[in-house]
Structures are given as C-alpha cells and as structure tokens.
Amino acid sequence: MTLPVLSRIISMQHSKTRKLLGTLIEITIISDDTTAPDRIEYVFDYFWSIEQEFSRFRPDSSLSRLNRDKIAQVSSRFITLMKLCKQRYEETDGLFNPLVQVARLGYSHSFDDGNFEQIKSIADTDFSKVLIGTDRISIGEHQSLDFGGIAKGYAVDMAAAILLAFGYDNFFVNAGGDIYTHGMNNSGEPWVIGIENPFTLSIDTSLILKNTAIATSGRYKRNWNIEGRNYHHLVNPLSWENESAIMSVTLVGRKCVDCDSLTKSIFHLSPDKGIEKIQKFGMDGLIYTLDGRLLFTTGLLKKYGLTFAEEEENFV
C-alpha cells in the first residue's frame, strides 16, 4: 500500500475518509475554498456509484446482472471499462484477464465478511467470447466478469478529473493505495508518497510525485487459509496458479487505471522480467521479491526522487 506523507500546513487542508469499494477512500484538497468539503462529498458519491455498478458482491449491480444473465444493456461507462479490460488483456498477453473467478479459490464474498469458501464451477477465461456492443455486452455460458483489478484505478482517475473540473489544482485521491496526486501539498511542495514494505509493513521508501498516479498490488494483505492452504487474491489467468516470486509491485504513471491494472500482470512474471515489462510499458516502478530483494527502475531515482528510509530523518 502507498501512503501520503504530509508536512507542515501553510494552506487550508480539507480531508475526508470513507469506506467504499471495499477499502478506505481518502480525499484531500489544499484550498481556501469553503465549499471544498461539499465537493469532496460529491466525489465520494461518484465512488459510491462505481460500487453500485461494478461490485460483484452486490446482487443488484450491473456487473452481477451481466454475470447472471450473460447479456445485458449497460452504461457507456461500463463499455469504456470493458474496452480498457480488452486492451489490457491484449497488451499483457492474457496476464490481465477480468474473467478470472477468484471465488474458485475462496474469495466469493466481501473480504470483510471473513467467509472464505471455494466455489466449484467451470471457469471459461476465453476473452474472445466477450462481445462488446455500443450499449450491450454478452459473455459466455461459463464466464463471469470481475473488475476488481481495474475499477478502483479507473475511479481514482475519474475522481481526479472531477476535482480538476471544480477548479482545484492541489489535491490527492487515495483509494486503498491507488493514488493520484496533483499540484502541491499543504507545504507548497510536491506530494511525498511513502511505499510500504510488505514484510515489515513499515514505510521504507518515498517518492516525490506531482500530477502523477501510483498503485500497489501485493499478496500480503488480502490472503486467507482454507484447510491449511494459504491463498491470496492475485491469480495467474494462464496457469490458475496462486504463487509468484513477487511479494508486491508498485507502478508510477500518468493514469491510475494503468498503474492499477498493470500491477496485476507484472505480479505473475519473474522479478527481472517484471522490471523489463514495466519499462516496456513506458512506466516506472519497484518490486519486492518473495526472497526479500527490492528491485526498481532507474526512472524512480531520476524522475521521482526515490528515497530510502535511512536517508530521511522525518520519514513516516
């Protein structure tokens, strides 16, 4: 998970946190505008609408209706997200695939329920069977969509667009580690984002970000045990394996939806190939390996001022 690191206040800061999309959403605006708290509530309403439409845990969501009926008329937003999934599927040679059914490994209910039970079912992950129309989508008989690997990043980007449309220049949006930063923090400096060490859960590194997105995916938080076997929510769509040589992946880029979705595909590569793939996508990032190594692209040093904890006295 990535966390914002704030410093002394020299301008009015408006911050609110709410639980949506199965995680904590934090929105901060640096502005003297007294209506900023109301604008933050408006953005929370947008996140709520994403949950209503795309949650697989809500039986009345558009996503659940499509999974149940196999064909459904959907919103233009749904079509946009589906096309993004197809693009990501093709770019990653199938390592990103929204047809993976994590319920087969026990993640069939909201994670907070603590109810993990494997669902025995036929899972068809052939993306060519997904038909995307202008306002309608159909999927195969044994197919089920899950936007858990992309919807949160998409929502963060849209939330940032809303704040920009309101005229705010300085803000960040943090949806459980999927972050978009814009402008300056309350000290008049670029946002400093801390990155969590998945082994110690301490903040060991930081990046300086401005008008930039960042997202982390890892195996160390959303995990569970069934009959003595450990599982986590990142499943290889090609092999259905739940193991990887990577502990967590953090990506930095222009759009949070790219960072969010591509971390899932990088996770299933070897660490060295993962770094190569990050650079091929024209992005920067870092990888914590299962054996405790930390790998990162050179761009993190040159463009984003990668700093290690022992070099920063006030690092939190």
C-alpha atoms as a PDB file:
ATOM      1  CA  MET A   1       0.000   0.000   0.000  1.00  0.00           C
ATOM      2  CA  THR A   2       1.167   3.518  -0.719  1.00  0.00           C
ATOM      3  CA  LEU A   3       0.627   6.243   1.852  1.00  0.00           C
ATOM      4  CA  PRO A   4       0.825  10.048   1.617  1.00  0.00           C
ATOM      5  CA  VAL A   5       3.468  11.746   3.734  1.00  0.00           C
ATOM      6  CA  LEU A   6       2.383  15.234   4.771  1.00  0.00           C
ATOM      7  CA  SER A   7       4.372  18.089   6.245  1.00  0.00           C
ATOM      8  CA  ARG A   8       3.645  21.453   7.967  1.00  0.00           C
ATOM      9  CA  ILE A   9       0.461  23.296   6.985  1.00  0.00           C
ATOM     10  CA  ILE A  10       0.752  26.612   5.170  1.00  0.00           C
ATOM     11  CA  SER A  11      -2.635  26.495   3.418  1.00  0.00           C
ATOM     12  CA  MET A  12      -6.076  25.182   4.337  1.00  0.00           C
ATOM     13  CA  GLN A  13      -6.323  21.411   4.023  1.00  0.00           C
ATOM     14  CA  HIS A  14      -9.652  19.629   3.634  1.00  0.00           C
ATOM     15  CA  SER A  15      -9.515  15.854   4.156  1.00  0.00           C
ATOM     16  CA  LYS A  16     -12.192  13.208   4.492  1.00  0.00           C
ATOM     17  CA  THR A  17     -12.129   9.408   4.544  1.00  0.00           C
ATOM     18  CA  ARG A  18     -14.917   6.977   3.775  1.00  0.00           C
ATOM     19  CA  LYS A  19     -15.099   3.227   3.229  1.00  0.00           C
ATOM     20  CA  LEU A  20     -16.203   2.385  -0.311  1.00  0.00           C
ATOM     21  CA  LEU A  21     -15.205  -0.224  -2.906  1.00  0.00           C
ATOM     22  CA  GLY A  22     -14.122  -2.477  -0.054  1.00  0.00           C
ATOM     23  CA  THR A  23     -11.376  -0.099   1.063  1.00  0.00           C
ATOM     24  CA  LEU A  24     -10.778   3.291   2.646  1.00  0.00           C
ATOM     25  CA  ILE A  25     -11.072   6.227   0.247  1.00  0.00           C
ATOM     26  CA  GLU A  26      -9.222   9.369   1.329  1.00  0.00           C
ATOM     27  CA  ILE A  27      -9.639  12.681  -0.468  1.00  0.00           C
ATOM     28  CA  THR A  28      -7.578  15.754   0.378  1.00  0.00           C
ATOM     29  CA  ILE A  29      -7.901  19.202  -1.183  1.00  0.00           C
ATOM     30  CA  ILE A  30      -5.486  22.052  -0.474  1.00  0.00           C
ATOM     31  CA  SER A  31      -7.571  25.187  -0.987  1.00  0.00           C
ATOM     32  CA  ASP A  32      -9.099  28.163   0.786  1.00  0.00           C
ATOM     33  CA  ASP A  33     -12.425  27.368  -0.898  1.00  0.00           C
ATOM     34  CA  THR A  34     -15.012  26.903   1.864  1.00  0.00           C
ATOM     35  CA  THR A  35     -17.122  24.646  -0.378  1.00  0.00           C
ATOM     36  CA  ALA A  36     -14.295  22.089  -0.661  1.00  0.00           C
ATOM     37  CA  PRO A  37     -15.851  19.728   1.935  1.00  0.00           C
ATOM     38  CA  ASP A  38     -19.085  19.614  -0.090  1.00  0.00           C
ATOM     39  CA  ARG A  39     -17.095  18.938  -3.254  1.00  0.00           C
ATOM     40  CA  ILE A  40     -15.348  16.056  -1.508  1.00  0.00           C
ATOM     41  CA  GLU A  41     -18.768  14.588  -0.674  1.00  0.00           C
ATOM     42  CA  TYR A  42     -19.665  14.845  -4.355  1.00  0.00           C
ATOM     43  CA  VAL A  43     -16.578  12.795  -5.244  1.00  0.00           C
ATOM     44  CA  PHE A  44     -17.492  10.211  -2.611  1.00  0.00           C
ATOM     45  CA  ASP A  45     -20.895   9.942  -4.295  1.00  0.00           C
ATOM     46  CA  TYR A  46     -19.076   9.149  -7.528  1.00  0.00           C
ATOM     47  CA  PHE A  47     -17.134   6.330  -5.846  1.00  0.00           C
ATOM     48  CA  TRP A  48     -20.428   5.060  -4.447  1.00  0.00           C
ATOM     49  CA  SER A  49     -21.886   4.960  -7.960  1.00  0.00           C
ATOM     50  CA  ILE A  50     -18.900   2.893  -9.121  1.00  0.00           C
ATOM     51  CA  GLU A  51     -19.578   0.418  -6.330  1.00  0.00           C
ATOM     52  CA  GLN A  52     -23.264   0.230  -7.220  1.00  0.00           C
ATOM     53  CA  GLU A  53     -22.473  -0.527 -10.847  1.00  0.00           C
ATOM     54  CA  PHE A  54     -19.355  -2.706 -10.712  1.00  0.00           C
ATOM     55  CA  SER A  55     -19.321  -4.608  -7.406  1.00  0.00           C
ATOM     56  CA  ARG A  56     -19.511  -8.365  -7.823  1.00  0.00           C
ATOM     57  CA  PHE A  57     -20.679  -8.600  -4.207  1.00  0.00           C
ATOM     58  CA  ARG A  58     -23.871  -6.614  -4.865  1.00  0.00           C
ATOM     59  CA  PRO A  59     -26.534  -8.849  -6.484  1.00  0.00           C
ATOM     60  CA  ASP A  60     -28.263  -5.768  -7.937  1.00  0.00           C
ATOM     61  CA  SER A  61     -25.167  -4.265  -9.615  1.00  0.00           C
ATOM     62  CA  SER A  62     -24.880  -4.055 -13.393  1.00  0.00           C
ATOM     63  CA  LEU A  63     -21.906  -6.396 -13.234  1.00  0.00           C
ATOM     64  CA  SER A  64     -23.803  -9.022 -11.231  1.00  0.00           C
ATOM     65  CA  ARG A  65     -26.755  -8.768 -13.598  1.00  0.00           C
ATOM     66  CA  LEU A  66     -24.491  -9.380 -16.590  1.00  0.00           C
ATOM     67  CA  ASN A  67     -22.783 -12.307 -14.857  1.00  0.00           C
ATOM     68  CA  ARG A  68     -26.163 -13.816 -14.062  1.00  0.00           C
ATOM     69  CA  ASP A  69     -27.960 -13.223 -17.374  1.00  0.00           C
ATOM     70  CA  LYS A  70     -24.871 -13.429 -19.672  1.00  0.00           C
ATOM     71  CA  ILE A  71     -26.152 -10.487 -21.713  1.00  0.00           C
ATOM     72  CA  ALA A  72     -27.150  -7.025 -20.534  1.00  0.00           C
ATOM     73  CA  GLN A  73     -27.631  -3.464 -21.649  1.00  0.00           C
ATOM     74  CA  VAL A  74     -25.054  -1.357 -19.838  1.00  0.00           C
ATOM     75  CA  SER A  75     -23.922   2.233 -19.427  1.00  0.00           C
ATOM     76  CA  SER A  76     -21.328   3.984 -21.564  1.00  0.00           C
ATOM     77  CA  ARG A  77     -19.046   3.899 -18.508  1.00  0.00           C
ATOM     78  CA  PHE A  78     -19.377   0.116 -18.409  1.00  0.00           C
ATOM     79  CA  ILE A  79     -18.485  -0.094 -22.106  1.00  0.00           C
ATOM     80  CA  THR A  80     -15.437   2.138 -21.541  1.00  0.00           C
ATOM     81  CA  LEU A  81     -14.179  -0.046 -18.698  1.00  0.00           C
ATOM     82  CA  MET A  82     -14.810  -3.220 -20.693  1.00  0.00           C
ATOM     83  CA  LYS A  83     -12.800  -1.873 -23.614  1.00  0.00           C
ATOM     84  CA  LEU A  84      -9.980  -0.965 -21.226  1.00  0.00           C
ATOM     85  CA  CYS A  85     -10.021  -4.552 -19.966  1.00  0.00           C
ATOM     86  CA  LYS A  86      -9.771  -5.871 -23.504  1.00  0.00           C
ATOM     87  CA  GLN A  87      -6.871  -3.534 -24.266  1.00  0.00           C
ATOM     88  CA  ARG A  88      -5.053  -4.588 -21.111  1.00  0.00           C
ATOM     89  CA  TYR A  89      -5.711  -8.265 -21.860  1.00  0.00           C
ATOM     90  CA  GLU A  90      -4.099  -7.895 -25.277  1.00  0.00           C
ATOM     91  CA  GLU A  91      -1.156  -5.802 -24.022  1.00  0.00           C
ATOM     92  CA  THR A  92      -0.263  -8.341 -21.339  1.00  0.00           C
ATOM     93  CA  ASP A  93      -0.746 -11.477 -23.463  1.00  0.00           C
ATOM     94  CA  GLY A  94      -3.572 -12.566 -21.194  1.00  0.00           C
ATOM     95  CA  LEU A  95      -1.885 -11.968 -17.827  1.00  0.00           C
ATOM     96  CA  PHE A  96      -4.593  -9.421 -17.086  1.00  0.00           C
ATOM     97  CA  ASN A  97      -7.980 -11.067 -17.509  1.00  0.00           C
ATOM     98  CA  PRO A  98     -11.225  -9.907 -15.835  1.00  0.00           C
ATOM     99  CA  LEU A  99     -12.732 -13.368 -16.415  1.00  0.00           C
ATOM    100  CA  VAL A 100     -10.654 -14.972 -13.662  1.00  0.00           C
ATOM    101  CA  GLN A 101     -13.023 -16.228 -10.969  1.00  0.00           C
ATOM    102  CA  VAL A 102     -11.287 -15.701  -7.633  1.00  0.00           C
ATOM    103  CA  ALA A 103     -14.332 -17.271  -5.968  1.00  0.00           C
ATOM    104  CA  ARG A 104     -12.950 -20.647  -7.026  1.00  0.00           C
ATOM    105  CA  LEU A 105     -10.129 -20.063  -4.533  1.00  0.00           C
ATOM    106  CA  GLY A 106     -12.443 -18.891  -1.765  1.00  0.00           C
ATOM    107  CA  TYR A 107     -12.822 -15.142  -2.393  1.00  0.00           C
ATOM    108  CA  SER A 108     -16.551 -15.408  -3.056  1.00  0.00           C
ATOM    109  CA  HIS A 109     -17.763 -12.829  -0.515  1.00  0.00           C
ATOM    110  CA  SER A 110     -16.647  -9.385   0.537  1.00  0.00           C
ATOM    111  CA  PHE A 111     -13.254  -9.702   2.205  1.00  0.00           C
ATOM    112  CA  ASP A 112     -14.534  -8.102   5.412  1.00  0.00           C
ATOM    113  CA  ASP A 113     -17.064 -10.918   5.832  1.00  0.00           C
ATOM    114  CA  GLY A 114     -14.241 -13.338   6.598  1.00  0.00           C
ATOM    115  CA  ASN A 115     -16.233 -16.096   4.874  1.00  0.00           C
ATOM    116  CA  PHE A 116     -13.907 -17.976   2.537  1.00  0.00           C
ATOM    117  CA  GLU A 117     -15.302 -20.997   0.781  1.00  0.00           C
ATOM    118  CA  GLN A 118     -14.153 -22.407  -2.528  1.00  0.00           C
ATOM    119  CA  ILE A 119     -16.830 -22.376  -5.226  1.00  0.00           C
ATOM    120  CA  LYS A 120     -16.657 -25.361  -7.555  1.00  0.00           C
ATOM    121  CA  SER A 121     -17.513 -24.153 -11.046  1.00  0.00           C
ATOM    122  CA  ILE A 122     -16.416 -24.250 -14.661  1.00  0.00           C
ATOM    123  CA  ALA A 123     -14.431 -21.109 -15.444  1.00  0.00           C
ATOM    124  CA  ASP A 124     -14.076 -20.059 -19.072  1.00  0.00           C
ATOM    125  CA  THR A 125     -11.449 -17.318 -19.449  1.00  0.00           C
ATOM    126  CA  ASP A 126     -11.539 -17.114 -23.262  1.00  0.00           C
ATOM    127  CA  PHE A 127     -11.830 -13.354 -23.752  1.00  0.00           C
ATOM    128  CA  SER A 128     -12.739 -13.759 -27.432  1.00  0.00           C
ATOM    129  CA  LYS A 129     -16.197 -14.882 -26.295  1.00  0.00           C
ATOM    130  CA  VAL A 130     -16.875 -11.482 -24.729  1.00  0.00           C
ATOM    131  CA  LEU A 131     -18.863  -9.356 -27.182  1.00  0.00           C
ATOM    132  CA  ILE A 132     -18.828  -5.587 -26.654  1.00  0.00           C
ATOM    133  CA  GLY A 133     -21.504  -3.547 -28.420  1.00  0.00           C
ATOM    134  CA  THR A 134     -22.371   0.128 -28.285  1.00  0.00           C
ATOM    135  CA  ASP A 135     -24.584  -0.319 -25.224  1.00  0.00           C
ATOM    136  CA  ARG A 136     -24.657  -4.080 -24.681  1.00  0.00           C
ATOM    137  CA  ILE A 137     -22.223  -6.760 -23.532  1.00  0.00           C
ATOM    138  CA  SER A 138     -22.534 -10.521 -23.671  1.00  0.00           C
ATOM    139  CA  ILE A 139     -20.323 -13.189 -22.120  1.00  0.00           C
ATOM    140  CA  GLY A 140     -20.060 -16.960 -22.472  1.00  0.00           C
ATOM    141  CA  GLU A 141     -22.104 -19.523 -20.554  1.00  0.00           C
ATOM    142  CA  HIS A 142     -19.344 -20.327 -18.049  1.00  0.00           C
ATOM    143  CA  GLN A 143     -17.905 -16.838 -17.853  1.00  0.00           C
ATOM    144  CA  SER A 144     -18.064 -14.272 -15.075  1.00  0.00           C
ATOM    145  CA  LEU A 145     -16.552 -10.785 -15.028  1.00  0.00           C
ATOM    146  CA  ASP A 146     -14.670  -9.254 -12.122  1.00  0.00           C
ATOM    147  CA  PHE A 147     -13.500  -5.627 -12.387  1.00  0.00           C
ATOM    148  CA  GLY A 148     -11.630  -5.795  -9.072  1.00  0.00           C
ATOM    149  CA  GLY A 149      -8.288  -5.396 -10.844  1.00  0.00           C
ATOM    150  CA  ILE A 150      -9.122  -2.196 -12.717  1.00  0.00           C
ATOM    151  CA  ALA A 151     -12.252  -0.387 -11.460  1.00  0.00           C
ATOM    152  CA  LYS A 152     -10.584   1.234  -8.456  1.00  0.00           C
ATOM    153  CA  GLY A 153      -7.825   2.799 -10.556  1.00  0.00           C
ATOM    154  CA  TYR A 154     -10.388   3.953 -13.107  1.00  0.00           C
ATOM    155  CA  ALA A 155     -12.474   5.524 -10.333  1.00  0.00           C
ATOM    156  CA  VAL A 156      -9.441   7.374  -8.942  1.00  0.00           C
ATOM    157  CA  ASP A 157      -8.721   8.887 -12.366  1.00  0.00           C
ATOM    158  CA  MET A 158     -12.339   9.967 -12.753  1.00  0.00           C
ATOM    159  CA  ALA A 159     -12.361  11.441  -9.244  1.00  0.00           C
ATOM    160  CA  ALA A 160      -9.253  13.451 -10.122  1.00  0.00           C
ATOM    161  CA  ALA A 161     -10.968  14.669 -13.299  1.00  0.00           C
ATOM    162  CA  ILE A 162     -13.944  15.827 -11.235  1.00  0.00           C
ATOM    163  CA  LEU A 163     -11.704  17.771  -8.835  1.00  0.00           C
ATOM    164  CA  LEU A 164      -9.896  19.387 -11.760  1.00  0.00           C
ATOM    165  CA  ALA A 165     -13.271  20.344 -13.263  1.00  0.00           C
ATOM    166  CA  PHE A 166     -14.157  22.005  -9.948  1.00  0.00           C
ATOM    167  CA  GLY A 167     -11.033  24.116 -10.401  1.00  0.00           C
ATOM    168  CA  TYR A 168      -8.774  22.598  -7.747  1.00  0.00           C
ATOM    169  CA  ASP A 169      -5.069  22.427  -8.542  1.00  0.00           C
ATOM    170  CA  ASN A 170      -3.731  20.825  -5.355  1.00  0.00           C
ATOM    171  CA  PHE A 171      -5.175  17.516  -4.139  1.00  0.00           C
ATOM    172  CA  PHE A 172      -4.693  13.800  -3.819  1.00  0.00           C
ATOM    173  CA  VAL A 173      -7.083  10.881  -4.002  1.00  0.00           C
ATOM    174  CA  ASN A 174      -6.141   7.676  -2.220  1.00  0.00           C
ATOM    175  CA  ALA A 175      -8.281   4.562  -2.707  1.00  0.00           C
ATOM    176  CA  GLY A 176      -6.587   1.884  -0.649  1.00  0.00           C
ATOM    177  CA  GLY A 177      -3.163   2.563  -2.141  1.00  0.00           C
ATOM    178  CA  ASP A 178      -4.340   3.563  -5.617  1.00  0.00           C
ATOM    179  CA  ILE A 179      -3.379   7.243  -5.595  1.00  0.00           C
ATOM    180  CA  TYR A 180      -3.499  10.234  -7.888  1.00  0.00           C
ATOM    181  CA  THR A 181      -1.607  13.364  -6.846  1.00  0.00           C
ATOM    182  CA  HIS A 182      -1.996  16.800  -8.398  1.00  0.00           C
ATOM    183  CA  GLY A 183      -0.186  20.042  -7.738  1.00  0.00           C
ATOM    184  CA  MET A 184       1.328  20.679  -4.338  1.00  0.00           C
ATOM    185  CA  ASN A 185       0.746  19.576  -0.762  1.00  0.00           C
ATOM    186  CA  ASN A 186      -0.046  21.930   2.113  1.00  0.00           C
ATOM    187  CA  SER A 187       3.609  22.992   2.337  1.00  0.00           C
ATOM    188  CA  GLY A 188       3.664  24.197  -1.240  1.00  0.00           C
ATOM    189  CA  GLU A 189       5.810  21.249  -2.316  1.00  0.00           C
ATOM    190  CA  PRO A 190       5.109  18.184  -4.482  1.00  0.00           C
ATOM    191  CA  TRP A 191       3.390  15.306  -2.729  1.00  0.00           C
ATOM    192  CA  VAL A 192       5.707  12.833  -0.990  1.00  0.00           C
ATOM    193  CA  ILE A 193       4.330   9.296  -1.115  1.00  0.00           C
ATOM    194  CA  GLY A 194       5.606   6.550   1.162  1.00  0.00           C
ATOM    195  CA  ILE A 195       5.710   2.944  -0.034  1.00  0.00           C
ATOM    196  CA  GLU A 196       5.029   0.139   2.407  1.00  0.00           C
ATOM    197  CA  ASN A 197       7.477  -2.715   2.884  1.00  0.00           C
ATOM    198  CA  PRO A 198       5.284  -5.845   2.557  1.00  0.00           C
ATOM    199  CA  PHE A 199       7.402  -7.769   5.074  1.00  0.00           C
ATOM    200  CA  THR A 200       7.582  -5.232   7.913  1.00  0.00           C
ATOM    201  CA  LEU A 201       4.569  -3.050   6.977  1.00  0.00           C
ATOM    202  CA  SER A 202       6.815  -0.052   7.639  1.00  0.00           C
ATOM    203  CA  ILE A 203       7.338   2.813   5.186  1.00  0.00           C
ATOM    204  CA  ASP A 204      10.846   2.225   3.864  1.00  0.00           C
ATOM    205  CA  THR A 205      10.907   4.302   0.673  1.00  0.00           C
ATOM    206  CA  SER A 206       9.358   7.520  -0.629  1.00  0.00           C
ATOM    207  CA  LEU A 207       8.705   9.149  -3.987  1.00  0.00           C
ATOM    208  CA  ILE A 208       8.113  12.781  -4.949  1.00  0.00           C
ATOM    209  CA  LEU A 209       5.034  12.964  -7.170  1.00  0.00           C
ATOM    210  CA  LYS A 210       3.201  15.750  -8.974  1.00  0.00           C
ATOM    211  CA  ASN A 211       0.319  15.206 -11.419  1.00  0.00           C
ATOM    212  CA  THR A 212       1.129  11.530 -11.205  1.00  0.00           C
ATOM    213  CA  ALA A 213      -0.591   8.261 -10.286  1.00  0.00           C
ATOM    214  CA  ILE A 214       0.747   5.361  -8.250  1.00  0.00           C
ATOM    215  CA  ALA A 215      -0.674   1.954  -7.335  1.00  0.00           C
ATOM    216  CA  THR A 216       0.497  -1.131  -5.458  1.00  0.00           C
ATOM    217  CA  SER A 217      -0.637  -4.741  -5.648  1.00  0.00           C
ATOM    218  CA  GLY A 218       0.646  -7.443  -3.345  1.00  0.00           C
ATOM    219  CA  ARG A 219      -0.024 -10.832  -1.835  1.00  0.00           C
ATOM    220  CA  TYR A 220       0.487  -9.833   1.779  1.00  0.00           C
ATOM    221  CA  LYS A 221      -2.859  -8.282   2.783  1.00  0.00           C
ATOM    222  CA  ARG A 222      -5.818  -9.942   1.095  1.00  0.00           C
ATOM    223  CA  ASN A 223      -4.989 -13.551   1.903  1.00  0.00           C
ATOM    224  CA  TRP A 224      -6.839 -16.385   3.610  1.00  0.00           C
ATOM    225  CA  ASN A 225      -6.486 -20.027   4.610  1.00  0.00           C
ATOM    226  CA  ILE A 226      -8.685 -22.956   3.628  1.00  0.00           C
ATOM    227  CA  GLU A 227      -7.933 -26.420   5.031  1.00  0.00           C
ATOM    228  CA  GLY A 228      -4.365 -25.491   5.841  1.00  0.00           C
ATOM    229  CA  ARG A 229      -3.554 -23.911   2.478  1.00  0.00           C
ATOM    230  CA  ASN A 230      -2.881 -20.213   2.035  1.00  0.00           C
ATOM    231  CA  TYR A 231      -4.431 -18.237  -0.826  1.00  0.00           C
ATOM    232  CA  HIS A 232      -4.350 -14.618  -1.980  1.00  0.00           C
ATOM    233  CA  HIS A 233      -6.402 -12.597  -4.460  1.00  0.00           C
ATOM    234  CA  LEU A 234      -3.848 -12.379  -7.307  1.00  0.00           C
ATOM    235  CA  VAL A 235      -4.374 -15.357  -9.595  1.00  0.00           C
ATOM    236  CA  ASN A 236      -2.402 -16.129 -12.755  1.00  0.00           C
ATOM    237  CA  PRO A 237      -5.061 -16.247 -15.525  1.00  0.00           C
ATOM    238  CA  LEU A 238      -2.921 -18.525 -17.696  1.00  0.00           C
ATOM    239  CA  SER A 239      -1.995 -21.187 -15.164  1.00  0.00           C
ATOM    240  CA  TRP A 240      -4.525 -20.602 -12.362  1.00  0.00           C
ATOM    241  CA  GLU A 241      -1.560 -20.692 -10.002  1.00  0.00           C
ATOM    242  CA  ASN A 242      -1.661 -18.591  -6.846  1.00  0.00           C
ATOM    243  CA  GLU A 243       2.088 -18.472  -6.273  1.00  0.00           C
ATOM    244  CA  SER A 244       4.667 -15.976  -7.519  1.00  0.00           C
ATOM    245  CA  ALA A 245       8.277 -14.939  -6.904  1.00  0.00           C
ATOM    246  CA  ILE A 246       6.983 -11.408  -6.249  1.00  0.00           C
ATOM    247  CA  MET A 247       5.616 -10.094  -2.965  1.00  0.00           C
ATOM    248  CA  SER A 248       4.379  -6.692  -4.185  1.00  0.00           C
ATOM    249  CA  VAL A 249       4.517  -4.421  -7.229  1.00  0.00           C
ATOM    250  CA  THR A 250       4.272  -0.625  -7.270  1.00  0.00           C
ATOM    251  CA  LEU A 251       3.841   1.287 -10.528  1.00  0.00           C
ATOM    252  CA  VAL A 252       4.050   5.020 -11.215  1.00  0.00           C
ATOM    253  CA  GLY A 253       2.481   6.536 -14.309  1.00  0.00           C
ATOM    254  CA  ARG A 254       0.188   9.125 -15.819  1.00  0.00           C
ATOM    255  CA  LYS A 255      -3.063   7.245 -15.152  1.00  0.00           C
ATOM    256  CA  CYS A 256      -4.046   5.302 -12.072  1.00  0.00           C
ATOM    257  CA  VAL A 257      -6.088   2.840 -14.142  1.00  0.00           C
ATOM    258  CA  ASP A 258      -2.872   1.828 -15.929  1.00  0.00           C
ATOM    259  CA  CYS A 259      -0.918   1.506 -12.697  1.00  0.00           C
ATOM    260  CA  ASP A 260      -3.711  -0.462 -11.020  1.00  0.00           C
ATOM    261  CA  SER A 261      -4.318  -2.975 -13.794  1.00  0.00           C
ATOM    262  CA  LEU A 262      -0.726  -3.487 -14.908  1.00  0.00           C
ATOM    263  CA  THR A 263       0.496  -4.331 -11.403  1.00  0.00           C
ATOM    264  CA  LYS A 264      -1.662  -7.455 -11.640  1.00  0.00           C
ATOM    265  CA  SER A 265       0.080  -8.702 -14.786  1.00  0.00           C
ATOM    266  CA  ILE A 266       3.582  -7.770 -13.581  1.00  0.00           C
ATOM    267  CA  PHE A 267       2.958  -9.783 -10.411  1.00  0.00           C
ATOM    268  CA  HIS A 268       2.865 -13.055 -12.356  1.00  0.00           C
ATOM    269  CA  LEU A 269       6.251 -12.554 -14.052  1.00  0.00           C
ATOM    270  CA  SER A 270       9.688 -13.225 -12.663  1.00  0.00           C
ATOM    271  CA  PRO A 271      11.065 -10.141 -10.854  1.00  0.00           C
ATOM    272  CA  ASP A 272      13.629  -9.386 -13.569  1.00  0.00           C
ATOM    273  CA  LYS A 273      11.098  -9.771 -16.365  1.00  0.00           C
ATOM    274  CA  GLY A 274       8.703  -7.660 -14.338  1.00  0.00           C
ATOM    275  CA  ILE A 275      11.140  -4.747 -14.304  1.00  0.00           C
ATOM    276  CA  GLU A 276      11.684  -5.177 -18.058  1.00  0.00           C
ATOM    277  CA  LYS A 277       7.933  -5.161 -18.669  1.00  0.00           C
ATOM    278  CA  ILE A 278       7.429  -2.025 -16.573  1.00  0.00           C
ATOM    279  CA  GLN A 279       9.988  -0.194 -18.695  1.00  0.00           C
ATOM    280  CA  LYS A 280       8.453  -1.575 -21.894  1.00  0.00           C
ATOM    281  CA  PHE A 281       5.133  -0.014 -20.872  1.00  0.00           C
ATOM    282  CA  GLY A 282       6.954   3.313 -20.506  1.00  0.00           C
ATOM    283  CA  MET A 283       6.343   3.409 -16.771  1.00  0.00           C
ATOM    284  CA  ASP A 284       8.419   3.238 -13.605  1.00  0.00           C
ATOM    285  CA  GLY A 285       8.072   1.036 -10.581  1.00  0.00           C
ATOM    286  CA  LEU A 286       9.532  -1.165  -7.901  1.00  0.00           C
ATOM    287  CA  ILE A 287       9.189  -4.803  -6.929  1.00  0.00           C
ATOM    288  CA  TYR A 288       9.620  -6.503  -3.582  1.00  0.00           C
ATOM    289  CA  THR A 289      10.538 -10.130  -4.245  1.00  0.00           C
ATOM    290  CA  LEU A 290       9.428 -13.073  -2.138  1.00  0.00           C
ATOM    291  CA  ASP A 291      13.030 -13.618  -1.035  1.00  0.00           C
ATOM    292  CA  GLY A 292      13.296 -10.046   0.275  1.00  0.00           C
ATOM    293  CA  ARG A 293      15.007  -8.183  -2.564  1.00  0.00           C
ATOM    294  CA  LEU A 294      13.976  -4.719  -3.740  1.00  0.00           C
ATOM    295  CA  LEU A 295      14.196  -4.032  -7.481  1.00  0.00           C
ATOM    296  CA  PHE A 296      13.328  -0.714  -9.117  1.00  0.00           C
ATOM    297  CA  THR A 297      13.572   1.131 -12.412  1.00  0.00           C
ATOM    298  CA  THR A 298      16.196   3.848 -12.771  1.00  0.00           C
ATOM    299  CA  GLY A 299      13.430   6.356 -13.509  1.00  0.00           C
ATOM    300  CA  LEU A 300      12.322   6.233  -9.878  1.00  0.00           C
ATOM    301  CA  LEU A 301      15.653   7.789  -8.916  1.00  0.00           C
ATOM    302  CA  LYS A 302      15.915  10.246 -11.791  1.00  0.00           C
ATOM    303  CA  LYS A 303      12.308  11.411 -12.138  1.00  0.00           C
ATOM    304  CA  TYR A 304      10.669  10.776  -8.790  1.00  0.00           C
ATOM    305  CA  GLY A 305      13.462  11.185  -6.256  1.00  0.00           C
ATOM    306  CA  LEU A 306      13.317   7.687  -4.764  1.00  0.00           C
ATOM    307  CA  THR A 307      14.477   7.989  -1.155  1.00  0.00           C
ATOM    308  CA  PHE A 308      15.199   5.232   1.349  1.00  0.00           C
ATOM    309  CA  ALA A 309      14.104   5.486   4.962  1.00  0.00           C
ATOM    310  CA  GLU A 310      17.581   5.664   6.449  1.00  0.00           C
ATOM    311  CA  GLU A 311      18.237   8.765   4.338  1.00  0.00           C
ATOM    312  CA  GLU A 312      15.235  10.702   5.617  1.00  0.00           C
ATOM    313  CA  GLU A 313      15.073  11.720   9.281  1.00  0.00           C
ATOM    314  CA  ASN A 314      11.412  12.736   9.244  1.00  0.00           C
ATOM    315  CA  PHE A 315      10.198   9.906   7.050  1.00  0.00           C
ATOM    316  CA  VAL A 316       6.958   8.311   8.251  1.00  0.00           C
END
